[in-house]
Amino acid sequence: AATAFYHHIDEAFLLPLAEEAAKHNAELLVGLPVLDEDGERYYNSM
């Protein structure tokens, strides 16, 4: 659903969204690509 790597939008978008959800006792499960720690391989992830 999010068409950018997790680490590219984590601090600017995903973390604030998660904090807002937590205020309402809700949790978010999001589909997006995730870059591996090696910086080369990437996963199709939730």
ModelCIF file with pLDDT and N, C-alpha, C, O atoms, coordinates in Angstrom:
data_MODEL
#
_entry.id   MODEL 
#
_entity.id                         1 
_entity.type                       polymer 
_entity.pdbx_number_of_molecules   1 
#
_entity_poly.entity_id                      1 
_entity_poly.type                           'polypeptide(L)' 
_entity_poly.nstd_linkage                   no 
_entity_poly.nstd_monomer                   no 
_entity_poly.pdbx_seq_one_letter_code       AATAFYHHIDEAFLLPLAEEAAKHNAELLVGLPVLDEDGERYYNSM 
_entity_poly.pdbx_seq_one_letter_code_can   AATAFYHHIDEAFLLPLAEEAAKHNAELLVGLPVLDEDGERYYNSM 
_entity_poly.pdbx_strand_id                 A 
#
loop_
_entity_poly_seq.entity_id 
_entity_poly_seq.num 
_entity_poly_seq.mon_id 
_entity_poly_seq.hetero 
1 1  ALA n 
1 2  ALA n 
1 3  THR n 
1 4  ALA n 
1 5  PHE n 
1 6  TYR n 
1 7  HIS n 
1 8  HIS n 
1 9  ILE n 
1 10 ASP n 
1 11 GLU n 
1 12 ALA n 
1 13 PHE n 
1 14 LEU n 
1 15 LEU n 
1 16 PRO n 
1 17 LEU n 
1 18 ALA n 
1 19 GLU n 
1 20 GLU n 
1 21 ALA n 
1 22 ALA n 
1 23 LYS n 
1 24 HIS n 
1 25 ASN n 
1 26 ALA n 
1 27 GLU n 
1 28 LEU n 
1 29 LEU n 
1 30 VAL n 
1 31 GLY n 
1 32 LEU n 
1 33 PRO n 
1 34 VAL n 
1 35 LEU n 
1 36 ASP n 
1 37 GLU n 
1 38 ASP n 
1 39 GLY n 
1 40 GLU n 
1 41 ARG n 
1 42 TYR n 
1 43 TYR n 
1 44 ASN n 
1 45 SER n 
1 46 MET n 
#
_struct_asym.id          A 
_struct_asym.entity_id   1 
#
loop_
_ma_qa_metric.id 
_ma_qa_metric.mode 
_ma_qa_metric.name 
_ma_qa_metric.software_group_id 
_ma_qa_metric.type 
1 global pLDDT . pLDDT 
2 local  pLDDT . pLDDT 
#
_ma_qa_metric_global.metric_id      1 
_ma_qa_metric_global.metric_value   95.26 
_ma_qa_metric_global.model_id       1 
_ma_qa_metric_global.ordinal_id     1 
#
loop_
_ma_qa_metric_local.label_asym_id 
_ma_qa_metric_local.label_comp_id 
_ma_qa_metric_local.label_seq_id 
_ma_qa_metric_local.metric_id 
_ma_qa_metric_local.metric_value 
_ma_qa_metric_local.model_id 
_ma_qa_metric_local.ordinal_id 
A ALA 1  2 96.00 1 1  
A ALA 2  2 96.00 1 2  
A THR 3  2 94.00 1 3  
A ALA 4  2 95.00 1 4  
A PHE 5  2 96.00 1 5  
A TYR 6  2 96.00 1 6  
A HIS 7  2 94.00 1 7  
A HIS 8  2 94.00 1 8  
A ILE 9  2 96.00 1 9  
A ASP 10 2 94.00 1 10 
A GLU 11 2 92.00 1 11 
A ALA 12 2 94.00 1 12 
A PHE 13 2 96.00 1 13 
A LEU 14 2 97.00 1 14 
A LEU 15 2 96.00 1 15 
A PRO 16 2 96.00 1 16 
A LEU 17 2 97.00 1 17 
A ALA 18 2 97.00 1 18 
A GLU 19 2 96.00 1 19 
A GLU 20 2 97.00 1 20 
A ALA 21 2 97.00 1 21 
A ALA 22 2 96.00 1 22 
A LYS 23 2 97.00 1 23 
A HIS 24 2 97.00 1 24 
A ASN 25 2 97.00 1 25 
A ALA 26 2 98.00 1 26 
A GLU 27 2 98.00 1 27 
A LEU 28 2 98.00 1 28 
A LEU 29 2 98.00 1 29 
A VAL 30 2 98.00 1 30 
A GLY 31 2 98.00 1 31 
A LEU 32 2 97.00 1 32 
A PRO 33 2 96.00 1 33 
A VAL 34 2 97.00 1 34 
A LEU 35 2 95.00 1 35 
A ASP 36 2 93.00 1 36 
A GLU 37 2 87.00 1 37 
A ASP 38 2 87.00 1 38 
A GLY 39 2 87.00 1 39 
A GLU 40 2 86.00 1 40 
A ARG 41 2 93.00 1 41 
A TYR 42 2 94.00 1 42 
A TYR 43 2 97.00 1 43 
A ASN 44 2 96.00 1 44 
A SER 45 2 98.00 1 45 
A MET 46 2 98.00 1 46 
#
loop_
_atom_site.group_PDB 
_atom_site.id 
_atom_site.type_symbol 
_atom_site.label_atom_id 
_atom_site.label_alt_id 
_atom_site.label_comp_id 
_atom_site.label_asym_id 
_atom_site.label_entity_id 
_atom_site.label_seq_id 
_atom_site.pdbx_PDB_ins_code 
_atom_site.Cartn_x 
_atom_site.Cartn_y 
_atom_site.Cartn_z 
_atom_site.occupancy 
_atom_site.B_iso_or_equiv 
_atom_site.pdbx_formal_charge 
_atom_site.auth_seq_id 
_atom_site.auth_comp_id 
_atom_site.auth_asym_id 
_atom_site.auth_atom_id 
_atom_site.pdbx_PDB_model_num 
ATOM 1   N N  . ALA A 1 1  ? 0.843  -1.195 0.000  1.00 96.00 ? 1  ALA A N  1 
ATOM 2   C CA . ALA A 1 1  ? 0.000  0.000  0.000  1.00 96.00 ? 1  ALA A CA 1 
ATOM 3   C C  . ALA A 1 1  ? 0.880  1.247  0.000  1.00 96.00 ? 1  ALA A C  1 
ATOM 4   O O  . ALA A 1 1  ? 0.599  2.208  -0.716 1.00 96.00 ? 1  ALA A O  1 
ATOM 5   N N  . ALA A 1 2  ? 1.940  1.232  0.800  1.00 96.00 ? 2  ALA A N  1 
ATOM 6   C CA . ALA A 1 2  ? 2.951  2.291  0.791  1.00 96.00 ? 2  ALA A CA 1 
ATOM 7   C C  . ALA A 1 2  ? 4.043  1.897  -0.195 1.00 96.00 ? 2  ALA A C  1 
ATOM 8   O O  . ALA A 1 2  ? 4.654  0.837  -0.057 1.00 96.00 ? 2  ALA A O  1 
ATOM 9   N N  . THR A 1 3  ? 4.286  2.733  -1.171 1.00 94.00 ? 3  THR A N  1 
ATOM 10  C CA . THR A 1 3  ? 5.207  2.362  -2.257 1.00 94.00 ? 3  THR A CA 1 
ATOM 11  C C  . THR A 1 3  ? 6.576  3.010  -2.062 1.00 94.00 ? 3  THR A C  1 
ATOM 12  O O  . THR A 1 3  ? 7.172  3.537  -3.002 1.00 94.00 ? 3  THR A O  1 
ATOM 13  N N  . ALA A 1 4  ? 7.051  2.960  -0.845 1.00 95.00 ? 4  ALA A N  1 
ATOM 14  C CA . ALA A 1 4  ? 8.400  3.447  -0.544 1.00 95.00 ? 4  ALA A CA 1 
ATOM 15  C C  . ALA A 1 4  ? 8.983  2.546  0.530  1.00 95.00 ? 4  ALA A C  1 
ATOM 16  O O  . ALA A 1 4  ? 8.247  1.947  1.315  1.00 95.00 ? 4  ALA A O  1 
ATOM 17  N N  . PHE A 1 5  ? 10.315 2.448  0.566  1.00 96.00 ? 5  PHE A N  1 
ATOM 18  C CA . PHE A 1 5  ? 10.948 1.624  1.588  1.00 96.00 ? 5  PHE A CA 1 
ATOM 19  C C  . PHE A 1 5  ? 10.598 2.134  2.981  1.00 96.00 ? 5  PHE A C  1 
ATOM 20  O O  . PHE A 1 5  ? 10.460 3.336  3.209  1.00 96.00 ? 5  PHE A O  1 
ATOM 21  N N  . TYR A 1 6  ? 10.458 1.190  3.901  1.00 96.00 ? 6  TYR A N  1 
ATOM 22  C CA . TYR A 1 6  ? 10.088 1.528  5.268  1.00 96.00 ? 6  TYR A CA 1 
ATOM 23  C C  . TYR A 1 6  ? 10.993 2.618  5.840  1.00 96.00 ? 6  TYR A C  1 
ATOM 24  O O  . TYR A 1 6  ? 10.499 3.582  6.424  1.00 96.00 ? 6  TYR A O  1 
ATOM 25  N N  . HIS A 1 7  ? 12.305 2.479  5.681  1.00 94.00 ? 7  HIS A N  1 
ATOM 26  C CA . HIS A 1 7  ? 13.223 3.423  6.327  1.00 94.00 ? 7  HIS A CA 1 
ATOM 27  C C  . HIS A 1 7  ? 13.157 4.816  5.709  1.00 94.00 ? 7  HIS A C  1 
ATOM 28  O O  . HIS A 1 7  ? 13.612 5.785  6.317  1.00 94.00 ? 7  HIS A O  1 
ATOM 29  N N  . HIS A 1 8  ? 12.591 4.924  4.500  1.00 94.00 ? 8  HIS A N  1 
ATOM 30  C CA . HIS A 1 8  ? 12.466 6.239  3.862  1.00 94.00 ? 8  HIS A CA 1 
ATOM 31  C C  . HIS A 1 8  ? 11.326 7.064  4.450  1.00 94.00 ? 8  HIS A C  1 
ATOM 32  O O  . HIS A 1 8  ? 11.364 8.293  4.414  1.00 94.00 ? 8  HIS A O  1 
ATOM 33  N N  . ILE A 1 9  ? 10.309 6.389  4.992  1.00 96.00 ? 9  ILE A N  1 
ATOM 34  C CA . ILE A 1 9  ? 9.137  7.122  5.484  1.00 96.00 ? 9  ILE A CA 1 
ATOM 35  C C  . ILE A 1 9  ? 8.850  6.834  6.956  1.00 96.00 ? 9  ILE A C  1 
ATOM 36  O O  . ILE A 1 9  ? 7.791  7.197  7.466  1.00 96.00 ? 9  ILE A O  1 
ATOM 37  N N  . ASP A 1 10 ? 9.781  6.190  7.628  1.00 94.00 ? 10 ASP A N  1 
ATOM 38  C CA . ASP A 1 10 ? 9.572  5.787  9.015  1.00 94.00 ? 10 ASP A CA 1 
ATOM 39  C C  . ASP A 1 10 ? 9.362  6.995  9.928  1.00 94.00 ? 10 ASP A C  1 
ATOM 40  O O  . ASP A 1 10 ? 8.273  7.181  10.470 1.00 94.00 ? 10 ASP A O  1 
ATOM 41  N N  . GLU A 1 11 ? 10.385 7.802  10.097 1.00 92.00 ? 11 GLU A N  1 
ATOM 42  C CA . GLU A 1 11 ? 10.328 8.891  11.073 1.00 92.00 ? 11 GLU A CA 1 
ATOM 43  C C  . GLU A 1 11 ? 9.353  9.990  10.652 1.00 92.00 ? 11 GLU A C  1 
ATOM 44  O O  . GLU A 1 11 ? 8.686  10.587 11.498 1.00 92.00 ? 11 GLU A O  1 
ATOM 45  N N  . ALA A 1 12 ? 9.270  10.259 9.340  1.00 94.00 ? 12 ALA A N  1 
ATOM 46  C CA . ALA A 1 12 ? 8.439  11.370 8.880  1.00 94.00 ? 12 ALA A CA 1 
ATOM 47  C C  . ALA A 1 12 ? 6.956  11.026 8.828  1.00 94.00 ? 12 ALA A C  1 
ATOM 48  O O  . ALA A 1 12 ? 6.106  11.909 8.944  1.00 94.00 ? 12 ALA A O  1 
ATOM 49  N N  . PHE A 1 13 ? 6.647  9.761  8.655  1.00 96.00 ? 13 PHE A N  1 
ATOM 50  C CA . PHE A 1 13 ? 5.236  9.415  8.436  1.00 96.00 ? 13 PHE A CA 1 
ATOM 51  C C  . PHE A 1 13 ? 4.769  8.244  9.285  1.00 96.00 ? 13 PHE A C  1 
ATOM 52  O O  . PHE A 1 13 ? 3.774  8.370  9.998  1.00 96.00 ? 13 PHE A O  1 
ATOM 53  N N  . LEU A 1 14 ? 5.455  7.114  9.230  1.00 97.00 ? 14 LEU A N  1 
ATOM 54  C CA . LEU A 1 14 ? 4.946  5.898  9.856  1.00 97.00 ? 14 LEU A CA 1 
ATOM 55  C C  . LEU A 1 14 ? 4.945  5.972  11.380 1.00 97.00 ? 14 LEU A C  1 
ATOM 56  O O  . LEU A 1 14 ? 3.965  5.587  12.018 1.00 97.00 ? 14 LEU A O  1 
ATOM 57  N N  . LEU A 1 15 ? 6.028  6.459  11.966 1.00 96.00 ? 15 LEU A N  1 
ATOM 58  C CA . LEU A 1 15 ? 6.098  6.525  13.427 1.00 96.00 ? 15 LEU A CA 1 
ATOM 59  C C  . LEU A 1 15 ? 5.051  7.479  13.995 1.00 96.00 ? 15 LEU A C  1 
ATOM 60  O O  . LEU A 1 15 ? 4.356  7.106  14.940 1.00 96.00 ? 15 LEU A O  1 
ATOM 61  N N  . PRO A 1 16 ? 4.906  8.702  13.459 1.00 96.00 ? 16 PRO A N  1 
ATOM 62  C CA . PRO A 1 16 ? 3.827  9.568  13.960 1.00 96.00 ? 16 PRO A CA 1 
ATOM 63  C C  . PRO A 1 16 ? 2.443  8.935  13.804 1.00 96.00 ? 16 PRO A C  1 
ATOM 64  O O  . PRO A 1 16 ? 1.581  9.106  14.667 1.00 96.00 ? 16 PRO A O  1 
ATOM 65  N N  . LEU A 1 17 ? 2.229  8.204  12.707 1.00 97.00 ? 17 LEU A N  1 
ATOM 66  C CA . LEU A 1 17 ? 0.943  7.545  12.499 1.00 97.00 ? 17 LEU A CA 1 
ATOM 67  C C  . LEU A 1 17 ? 0.723  6.459  13.545 1.00 97.00 ? 17 LEU A C  1 
ATOM 68  O O  . LEU A 1 17 ? -0.384 6.304  14.061 1.00 97.00 ? 17 LEU A O  1 
ATOM 69  N N  . ALA A 1 18 ? 1.772  5.711  13.856 1.00 97.00 ? 18 ALA A N  1 
ATOM 70  C CA . ALA A 1 18 ? 1.672  4.668  14.876 1.00 97.00 ? 18 ALA A CA 1 
ATOM 71  C C  . ALA A 1 18 ? 1.381  5.271  16.253 1.00 97.00 ? 18 ALA A C  1 
ATOM 72  O O  . ALA A 1 18 ? 0.606  4.711  17.028 1.00 97.00 ? 18 ALA A O  1 
ATOM 73  N N  . GLU A 1 19 ? 1.995  6.396  16.548 1.00 96.00 ? 19 GLU A N  1 
ATOM 74  C CA . GLU A 1 19 ? 1.765  7.054  17.840 1.00 96.00 ? 19 GLU A CA 1 
ATOM 75  C C  . GLU A 1 19 ? 0.332  7.556  17.951 1.00 96.00 ? 19 GLU A C  1 
ATOM 76  O O  . GLU A 1 19 ? -0.287 7.471  19.011 1.00 96.00 ? 19 GLU A O  1 
ATOM 77  N N  . GLU A 1 20 ? -0.189 8.083  16.836 1.00 97.00 ? 20 GLU A N  1 
ATOM 78  C CA . GLU A 1 20 ? -1.578 8.543  16.839 1.00 97.00 ? 20 GLU A CA 1 
ATOM 79  C C  . GLU A 1 20 ? -2.530 7.360  17.029 1.00 97.00 ? 20 GLU A C  1 
ATOM 80  O O  . GLU A 1 20 ? -3.515 7.466  17.760 1.00 97.00 ? 20 GLU A O  1 
ATOM 81  N N  . ALA A 1 21 ? -2.238 6.238  16.376 1.00 97.00 ? 21 ALA A N  1 
ATOM 82  C CA . ALA A 1 21 ? -3.070 5.048  16.537 1.00 97.00 ? 21 ALA A CA 1 
ATOM 83  C C  . ALA A 1 21 ? -3.049 4.569  17.982 1.00 97.00 ? 21 ALA A C  1 
ATOM 84  O O  . ALA A 1 21 ? -4.081 4.186  18.533 1.00 97.00 ? 21 ALA A O  1 
ATOM 85  N N  . ALA A 1 22 ? -1.856 4.592  18.599 1.00 96.00 ? 22 ALA A N  1 
ATOM 86  C CA . ALA A 1 22 ? -1.723 4.113  19.972 1.00 96.00 ? 22 ALA A CA 1 
ATOM 87  C C  . ALA A 1 22 ? -2.566 4.943  20.944 1.00 96.00 ? 22 ALA A C  1 
ATOM 88  O O  . ALA A 1 22 ? -3.055 4.413  21.941 1.00 96.00 ? 22 ALA A O  1 
ATOM 89  N N  . LYS A 1 23 ? -2.740 6.243  20.663 1.00 97.00 ? 23 LYS A N  1 
ATOM 90  C CA . LYS A 1 23 ? -3.568 7.093  21.524 1.00 97.00 ? 23 LYS A CA 1 
ATOM 91  C C  . LYS A 1 23 ? -5.014 6.609  21.546 1.00 97.00 ? 23 LYS A C  1 
ATOM 92  O O  . LYS A 1 23 ? -5.747 6.856  22.503 1.00 97.00 ? 23 LYS A O  1 
ATOM 93  N N  . HIS A 1 24 ? -5.415 5.919  20.485 1.00 97.00 ? 24 HIS A N  1 
ATOM 94  C CA . HIS A 1 24 ? -6.783 5.416  20.386 1.00 97.00 ? 24 HIS A CA 1 
ATOM 95  C C  . HIS A 1 24 ? -6.861 3.912  20.614 1.00 97.00 ? 24 HIS A C  1 
ATOM 96  O O  . HIS A 1 24 ? -7.880 3.283  20.329 1.00 97.00 ? 24 HIS A O  1 
ATOM 97  N N  . ASN A 1 25 ? -5.762 3.336  21.136 1.00 97.00 ? 25 ASN A N  1 
ATOM 98  C CA . ASN A 1 25 ? -5.688 1.896  21.408 1.00 97.00 ? 25 ASN A CA 1 
ATOM 99  C C  . ASN A 1 25 ? -5.904 1.057  20.153 1.00 97.00 ? 25 ASN A C  1 
ATOM 100 O O  . ASN A 1 25 ? -6.489 -0.025 20.193 1.00 97.00 ? 25 ASN A O  1 
ATOM 101 N N  . ALA A 1 26 ? -5.417 1.589  19.048 1.00 98.00 ? 26 ALA A N  1 
ATOM 102 C CA . ALA A 1 26 ? -5.481 0.861  17.781 1.00 98.00 ? 26 ALA A CA 1 
ATOM 103 C C  . ALA A 1 26 ? -4.073 0.506  17.327 1.00 98.00 ? 26 ALA A C  1 
ATOM 104 O O  . ALA A 1 26 ? -3.102 1.154  17.717 1.00 98.00 ? 26 ALA A O  1 
ATOM 105 N N  . GLU A 1 27 ? -3.972 -0.531 16.497 1.00 98.00 ? 27 GLU A N  1 
ATOM 106 C CA . GLU A 1 27 ? -2.677 -0.904 15.932 1.00 98.00 ? 27 GLU A CA 1 
ATOM 107 C C  . GLU A 1 27 ? -2.794 -0.991 14.415 1.00 98.00 ? 27 GLU A C  1 
ATOM 108 O O  . GLU A 1 27 ? -3.856 -1.304 13.877 1.00 98.00 ? 27 GLU A O  1 
ATOM 109 N N  . LEU A 1 28 ? -1.680 -0.708 13.732 1.00 98.00 ? 28 LEU A N  1 
ATOM 110 C CA . LEU A 1 28 ? -1.650 -0.667 12.276 1.00 98.00 ? 28 LEU A CA 1 
ATOM 111 C C  . LEU A 1 28 ? -0.748 -1.747 11.717 1.00 98.00 ? 28 LEU A C  1 
ATOM 112 O O  . LEU A 1 28 ? 0.384  -1.927 12.167 1.00 98.00 ? 28 LEU A O  1 
ATOM 113 N N  . LEU A 1 29 ? -1.264 -2.467 10.727 1.00 98.00 ? 29 LEU A N  1 
ATOM 114 C CA . LEU A 1 29 ? -0.493 -3.464 9.991  1.00 98.00 ? 29 LEU A CA 1 
ATOM 115 C C  . LEU A 1 29 ? -0.448 -2.994 8.544  1.00 98.00 ? 29 LEU A C  1 
ATOM 116 O O  . LEU A 1 29 ? -1.485 -2.885 7.888  1.00 98.00 ? 29 LEU A O  1 
ATOM 117 N N  . VAL A 1 30 ? 0.763  -2.714 8.045  1.00 98.00 ? 30 VAL A N  1 
ATOM 118 C CA . VAL A 1 30 ? 0.927  -1.982 6.789  1.00 98.00 ? 30 VAL A CA 1 
ATOM 119 C C  . VAL A 1 30 ? 1.783  -2.782 5.817  1.00 98.00 ? 30 VAL A C  1 
ATOM 120 O O  . VAL A 1 30 ? 2.807  -3.345 6.202  1.00 98.00 ? 30 VAL A O  1 
ATOM 121 N N  . GLY A 1 31 ? 1.359  -2.832 4.544  1.00 98.00 ? 31 GLY A N  1 
ATOM 122 C CA . GLY A 1 31 ? 2.151  -3.487 3.510  1.00 98.00 ? 31 GLY A CA 1 
ATOM 123 C C  . GLY A 1 31 ? 3.052  -2.504 2.802  1.00 98.00 ? 31 GLY A C  1 
ATOM 124 O O  . GLY A 1 31 ? 2.601  -1.460 2.329  1.00 98.00 ? 31 GLY A O  1 
ATOM 125 N N  . LEU A 1 32 ? 4.341  -2.841 2.728  1.00 97.00 ? 32 LEU A N  1 
ATOM 126 C CA . LEU A 1 32 ? 5.323  -1.971 2.066  1.00 97.00 ? 32 LEU A CA 1 
ATOM 127 C C  . LEU A 1 32 ? 6.639  -2.710 1.881  1.00 97.00 ? 32 LEU A C  1 
ATOM 128 O O  . LEU A 1 32 ? 6.871  -3.716 2.552  1.00 97.00 ? 32 LEU A O  1 
ATOM 129 N N  . PRO A 1 33 ? 7.516  -2.237 0.984  1.00 96.00 ? 33 PRO A N  1 
ATOM 130 C CA . PRO A 1 33 ? 8.824  -2.882 0.819  1.00 96.00 ? 33 PRO A CA 1 
ATOM 131 C C  . PRO A 1 33 ? 9.774  -2.483 1.948  1.00 96.00 ? 33 PRO A C  1 
ATOM 132 O O  . PRO A 1 33 ? 9.723  -1.368 2.467  1.00 96.00 ? 33 PRO A O  1 
ATOM 133 N N  . VAL A 1 34 ? 10.631 -3.418 2.308  1.00 97.00 ? 34 VAL A N  1 
ATOM 134 C CA . VAL A 1 34 ? 11.600 -3.195 3.393  1.00 97.00 ? 34 VAL A CA 1 
ATOM 135 C C  . VAL A 1 34 ? 12.994 -3.538 2.882  1.00 97.00 ? 34 VAL A C  1 
ATOM 136 O O  . VAL A 1 34 ? 13.223 -4.634 2.369  1.00 97.00 ? 34 VAL A O  1 
ATOM 137 N N  . LEU A 1 35 ? 13.929 -2.592 3.026  1.00 95.00 ? 35 LEU A N  1 
ATOM 138 C CA . LEU A 1 35 ? 15.309 -2.806 2.600  1.00 95.00 ? 35 LEU A CA 1 
ATOM 139 C C  . LEU A 1 35 ? 16.062 -3.598 3.660  1.00 95.00 ? 35 LEU A C  1 
ATOM 140 O O  . LEU A 1 35 ? 15.958 -3.309 4.852  1.00 95.00 ? 35 LEU A O  1 
ATOM 141 N N  . ASP A 1 36 ? 16.816 -4.593 3.220  1.00 93.00 ? 36 ASP A N  1 
ATOM 142 C CA . ASP A 1 36 ? 17.597 -5.414 4.142  1.00 93.00 ? 36 ASP A CA 1 
ATOM 143 C C  . ASP A 1 36 ? 18.738 -4.603 4.747  1.00 93.00 ? 36 ASP A C  1 
ATOM 144 O O  . ASP A 1 36 ? 19.101 -3.542 4.240  1.00 93.00 ? 36 ASP A O  1 
ATOM 145 N N  . GLU A 1 37 ? 19.294 -5.119 5.833  1.00 87.00 ? 37 GLU A N  1 
ATOM 146 C CA . GLU A 1 37 ? 20.392 -4.422 6.497  1.00 87.00 ? 37 GLU A CA 1 
ATOM 147 C C  . GLU A 1 37 ? 21.616 -4.265 5.610  1.00 87.00 ? 37 GLU A C  1 
ATOM 148 O O  . GLU A 1 37 ? 22.436 -3.374 5.830  1.00 87.00 ? 37 GLU A O  1 
ATOM 149 N N  . ASP A 1 38 ? 21.744 -5.143 4.590  1.00 87.00 ? 38 ASP A N  1 
ATOM 150 C CA . ASP A 1 38 ? 22.903 -5.031 3.707  1.00 87.00 ? 38 ASP A CA 1 
ATOM 151 C C  . ASP A 1 38 ? 22.765 -3.880 2.709  1.00 87.00 ? 38 ASP A C  1 
ATOM 152 O O  . ASP A 1 38 ? 23.706 -3.574 1.976  1.00 87.00 ? 38 ASP A O  1 
ATOM 153 N N  . GLY A 1 39 ? 21.589 -3.244 2.682  1.00 87.00 ? 39 GLY A N  1 
ATOM 154 C CA . GLY A 1 39 ? 21.384 -2.100 1.811  1.00 87.00 ? 39 GLY A CA 1 
ATOM 155 C C  . GLY A 1 39 ? 21.214 -2.452 0.347  1.00 87.00 ? 39 GLY A C  1 
ATOM 156 O O  . GLY A 1 39 ? 21.158 -1.554 -0.495 1.00 87.00 ? 39 GLY A O  1 
ATOM 157 N N  . GLU A 1 40 ? 21.129 -3.741 0.016  1.00 86.00 ? 40 GLU A N  1 
ATOM 158 C CA . GLU A 1 40 ? 20.997 -4.161 -1.377 1.00 86.00 ? 40 GLU A CA 1 
ATOM 159 C C  . GLU A 1 40 ? 19.727 -4.969 -1.619 1.00 86.00 ? 40 GLU A C  1 
ATOM 160 O O  . GLU A 1 40 ? 18.968 -4.667 -2.540 1.00 86.00 ? 40 GLU A O  1 
ATOM 161 N N  . ARG A 1 41 ? 19.496 -5.965 -0.823 1.00 93.00 ? 41 ARG A N  1 
ATOM 162 C CA . ARG A 1 41 ? 18.309 -6.807 -0.989 1.00 93.00 ? 41 ARG A CA 1 
ATOM 163 C C  . ARG A 1 41 ? 17.099 -6.144 -0.348 1.00 93.00 ? 41 ARG A C  1 
ATOM 164 O O  . ARG A 1 41 ? 17.231 -5.382 0.610  1.00 93.00 ? 41 ARG A O  1 
ATOM 165 N N  . TYR A 1 42 ? 15.913 -6.441 -0.887 1.00 94.00 ? 42 TYR A N  1 
ATOM 166 C CA . TYR A 1 42 ? 14.713 -5.882 -0.280 1.00 94.00 ? 42 TYR A CA 1 
ATOM 167 C C  . TYR A 1 42 ? 13.575 -6.897 -0.333 1.00 94.00 ? 42 TYR A C  1 
ATOM 168 O O  . TYR A 1 42 ? 13.521 -7.766 -1.203 1.00 94.00 ? 42 TYR A O  1 
ATOM 169 N N  . TYR A 1 43 ? 12.657 -6.749 0.645  1.00 97.00 ? 43 TYR A N  1 
ATOM 170 C CA . TYR A 1 43 ? 11.587 -7.710 0.867  1.00 97.00 ? 43 TYR A CA 1 
ATOM 171 C C  . TYR A 1 43 ? 10.220 -7.086 0.591  1.00 97.00 ? 43 TYR A C  1 
ATOM 172 O O  . TYR A 1 43 ? 10.031 -5.877 0.724  1.00 97.00 ? 43 TYR A O  1 
ATOM 173 N N  . ASN A 1 44 ? 9.275  -7.939 0.206  1.00 96.00 ? 44 ASN A N  1 
ATOM 174 C CA . ASN A 1 44 ? 7.859  -7.588 0.151  1.00 96.00 ? 44 ASN A CA 1 
ATOM 175 C C  . ASN A 1 44 ? 7.299  -7.917 1.530  1.00 96.00 ? 44 ASN A C  1 
ATOM 176 O O  . ASN A 1 44 ? 7.246  -9.087 1.908  1.00 96.00 ? 44 ASN A O  1 
ATOM 177 N N  . SER A 1 45 ? 6.880  -6.904 2.286  1.00 98.00 ? 45 SER A N  1 
ATOM 178 C CA . SER A 1 45 ? 6.679  -7.112 3.723  1.00 98.00 ? 45 SER A CA 1 
ATOM 179 C C  . SER A 1 45 ? 5.368  -6.536 4.235  1.00 98.00 ? 45 SER A C  1 
ATOM 180 O O  . SER A 1 45 ? 4.726  -5.704 3.594  1.00 98.00 ? 45 SER A O  1 
ATOM 181 N N  . MET A 1 46 ? 4.999  -7.013 5.420  1.00 98.00 ? 46 MET A N  1 
ATOM 182 C CA . MET A 1 46 ? 3.962  -6.399 6.239  1.00 98.00 ? 46 MET A CA 1 
ATOM 183 C C  . MET A 1 46 ? 4.632  -5.957 7.531  1.00 98.00 ? 46 MET A C  1 
ATOM 184 O O  . MET A 1 46 ? 3.973  -5.402 8.410  1.00 98.00 ? 46 MET A O  1 
#
